[in-house]
Amino acid sequence: MLKKNLEQREKPELIAIIQHMLRQEPELQWLLMTPLPTVSSRKSSVDPEVYRQQVLAAMAAGESQRMLPLSPFTKC
């Protein structure tokens, strides 16, 4: 049902939806930089720098999470 709904939308409307979603969840912006696994993407080369930046960002986020004080409700 979701796929059918998206297929019925025009490109400008889809762009507006994506922009709205990214304003709500800016950490998902990396999805726009990563090629999706499709038949056509197998033909093009993948830039490893995109993935390196994602790994570094994930590691930095994990490090900042480790630095937060534990809640009394957090299981160790």
C-alpha atoms as a PDB file:
ATOM      1  CA  MET A   1       0.000   0.000   0.000  1.00  0.00           C
ATOM      2  CA  LEU A   2       2.837   2.410   0.838  1.00  0.00           C
ATOM      3  CA  LYS A   3       4.640   1.634  -2.415  1.00  0.00           C
ATOM      4  CA  LYS A   4       1.476   2.250  -4.436  1.00  0.00           C
ATOM      5  CA  ASN A   5       0.883   5.525  -2.616  1.00  0.00           C
ATOM      6  CA  LEU A   6       4.436   6.707  -3.359  1.00  0.00           C
ATOM      7  CA  GLU A   7       4.230   5.636  -6.999  1.00  0.00           C
ATOM      8  CA  GLN A   8       1.157   7.830  -7.472  1.00  0.00           C
ATOM      9  CA  ARG A   9       2.965  10.965  -6.285  1.00  0.00           C
ATOM     10  CA  GLU A  10       4.683  13.450  -8.572  1.00  0.00           C
ATOM     11  CA  LYS A  11       8.423  14.049  -8.173  1.00  0.00           C
ATOM     12  CA  PRO A  12       8.093  17.568  -6.648  1.00  0.00           C
ATOM     13  CA  GLU A  13       5.674  16.199  -4.049  1.00  0.00           C
ATOM     14  CA  LEU A  14       8.046  13.330  -3.179  1.00  0.00           C
ATOM     15  CA  ILE A  15      10.909  15.813  -2.789  1.00  0.00           C
ATOM     16  CA  ALA A  16       8.757  17.936  -0.465  1.00  0.00           C
ATOM     17  CA  ILE A  17       7.864  14.859   1.606  1.00  0.00           C
ATOM     18  CA  ILE A  18      11.520  13.850   1.915  1.00  0.00           C
ATOM     19  CA  GLN A  19      12.549  17.379   2.891  1.00  0.00           C
ATOM     20  CA  HIS A  20       9.841  17.457   5.559  1.00  0.00           C
ATOM     21  CA  MET A  21      10.958  14.074   6.891  1.00  0.00           C
ATOM     22  CA  LEU A  22      14.574  15.234   7.054  1.00  0.00           C
ATOM     23  CA  ARG A  23      13.572  18.342   9.002  1.00  0.00           C
ATOM     24  CA  GLN A  24      11.932  16.010  11.517  1.00  0.00           C
ATOM     25  CA  GLU A  25      14.827  13.501  11.560  1.00  0.00           C
ATOM     26  CA  PRO A  26      18.004  15.227  10.240  1.00  0.00           C
ATOM     27  CA  GLU A  27      20.198  12.260  11.212  1.00  0.00           C
ATOM     28  CA  LEU A  28      18.637  10.324   8.318  1.00  0.00           C
ATOM     29  CA  GLN A  29      20.290  12.617   5.781  1.00  0.00           C
ATOM     30  CA  TRP A  30      23.010   9.983   5.235  1.00  0.00           C
ATOM     31  CA  LEU A  31      20.400   7.925   3.348  1.00  0.00           C
ATOM     32  CA  LEU A  32      20.564  10.442   0.511  1.00  0.00           C
ATOM     33  CA  MET A  33      24.316   9.950   0.209  1.00  0.00           C
ATOM     34  CA  THR A  34      24.199   6.155   0.119  1.00  0.00           C
ATOM     35  CA  PRO A  35      23.257   4.381  -3.097  1.00  0.00           C
ATOM     36  CA  LEU A  36      20.296   2.093  -2.631  1.00  0.00           C
ATOM     37  CA  PRO A  37      20.763  -1.564  -3.578  1.00  0.00           C
ATOM     38  CA  THR A  38      19.105  -1.658  -6.982  1.00  0.00           C
ATOM     39  CA  VAL A  39      19.983  -3.270 -10.285  1.00  0.00           C
ATOM     40  CA  SER A  40      21.158   0.049 -11.728  1.00  0.00           C
ATOM     41  CA  SER A  41      23.405   0.791  -8.734  1.00  0.00           C
ATOM     42  CA  ARG A  42      25.430  -2.348  -9.423  1.00  0.00           C
ATOM     43  CA  LYS A  43      26.631  -0.771 -12.650  1.00  0.00           C
ATOM     44  CA  SER A  44      27.939   2.396 -11.025  1.00  0.00           C
ATOM     45  CA  SER A  45      30.929   2.633  -8.756  1.00  0.00           C
ATOM     46  CA  VAL A  46      30.464   3.271  -5.057  1.00  0.00           C
ATOM     47  CA  ASP A  47      32.438   6.000  -3.327  1.00  0.00           C
ATOM     48  CA  PRO A  48      33.983   4.451  -0.193  1.00  0.00           C
ATOM     49  CA  GLU A  49      34.354   7.936   1.324  1.00  0.00           C
ATOM     50  CA  VAL A  50      30.571   8.066   1.846  1.00  0.00           C
ATOM     51  CA  TYR A  51      30.710   4.910   3.960  1.00  0.00           C
ATOM     52  CA  ARG A  52      33.819   6.061   5.817  1.00  0.00           C
ATOM     53  CA  GLN A  53      32.049   9.262   6.856  1.00  0.00           C
ATOM     54  CA  GLN A  54      29.027   7.258   8.004  1.00  0.00           C
ATOM     55  CA  VAL A  55      31.187   4.936  10.108  1.00  0.00           C
ATOM     56  CA  LEU A  56      33.001   7.889  11.698  1.00  0.00           C
ATOM     57  CA  ALA A  57      29.685   9.586  12.477  1.00  0.00           C
ATOM     58  CA  ALA A  58      28.302   6.384  14.004  1.00  0.00           C
ATOM     59  CA  MET A  59      31.420   5.923  16.106  1.00  0.00           C
ATOM     60  CA  ALA A  60      31.265   9.515  17.310  1.00  0.00           C
ATOM     61  CA  ALA A  61      27.592   9.115  18.205  1.00  0.00           C
ATOM     62  CA  GLY A  62      28.370   5.912  20.096  1.00  0.00           C
ATOM     63  CA  GLU A  63      31.201   7.608  21.958  1.00  0.00           C
ATOM     64  CA  SER A  64      28.960  10.491  22.998  1.00  0.00           C
ATOM     65  CA  GLN A  65      26.364   7.968  24.210  1.00  0.00           C
ATOM     66  CA  ARG A  66      29.007   6.263  26.368  1.00  0.00           C
ATOM     67  CA  MET A  67      29.823   9.578  28.002  1.00  0.00           C
ATOM     68  CA  LEU A  68      26.238  10.189  29.172  1.00  0.00           C
ATOM     69  CA  PRO A  69      25.524   9.485  32.847  1.00  0.00           C
ATOM     70  CA  LEU A  70      23.617   6.271  33.404  1.00  0.00           C
ATOM     71  CA  SER A  71      20.010   6.466  34.426  1.00  0.00           C
ATOM     72  CA  PRO A  72      19.081   4.552  37.575  1.00  0.00           C
ATOM     73  CA  PHE A  73      16.715   2.592  35.318  1.00  0.00           C
ATOM     74  CA  THR A  74      19.427   1.597  32.827  1.00  0.00           C
ATOM     75  CA  LYS A  75      20.517  -2.013  32.888  1.00  0.00           C
ATOM     76  CA  CYS A  76      24.267  -2.486  32.743  1.00  0.00           C
END
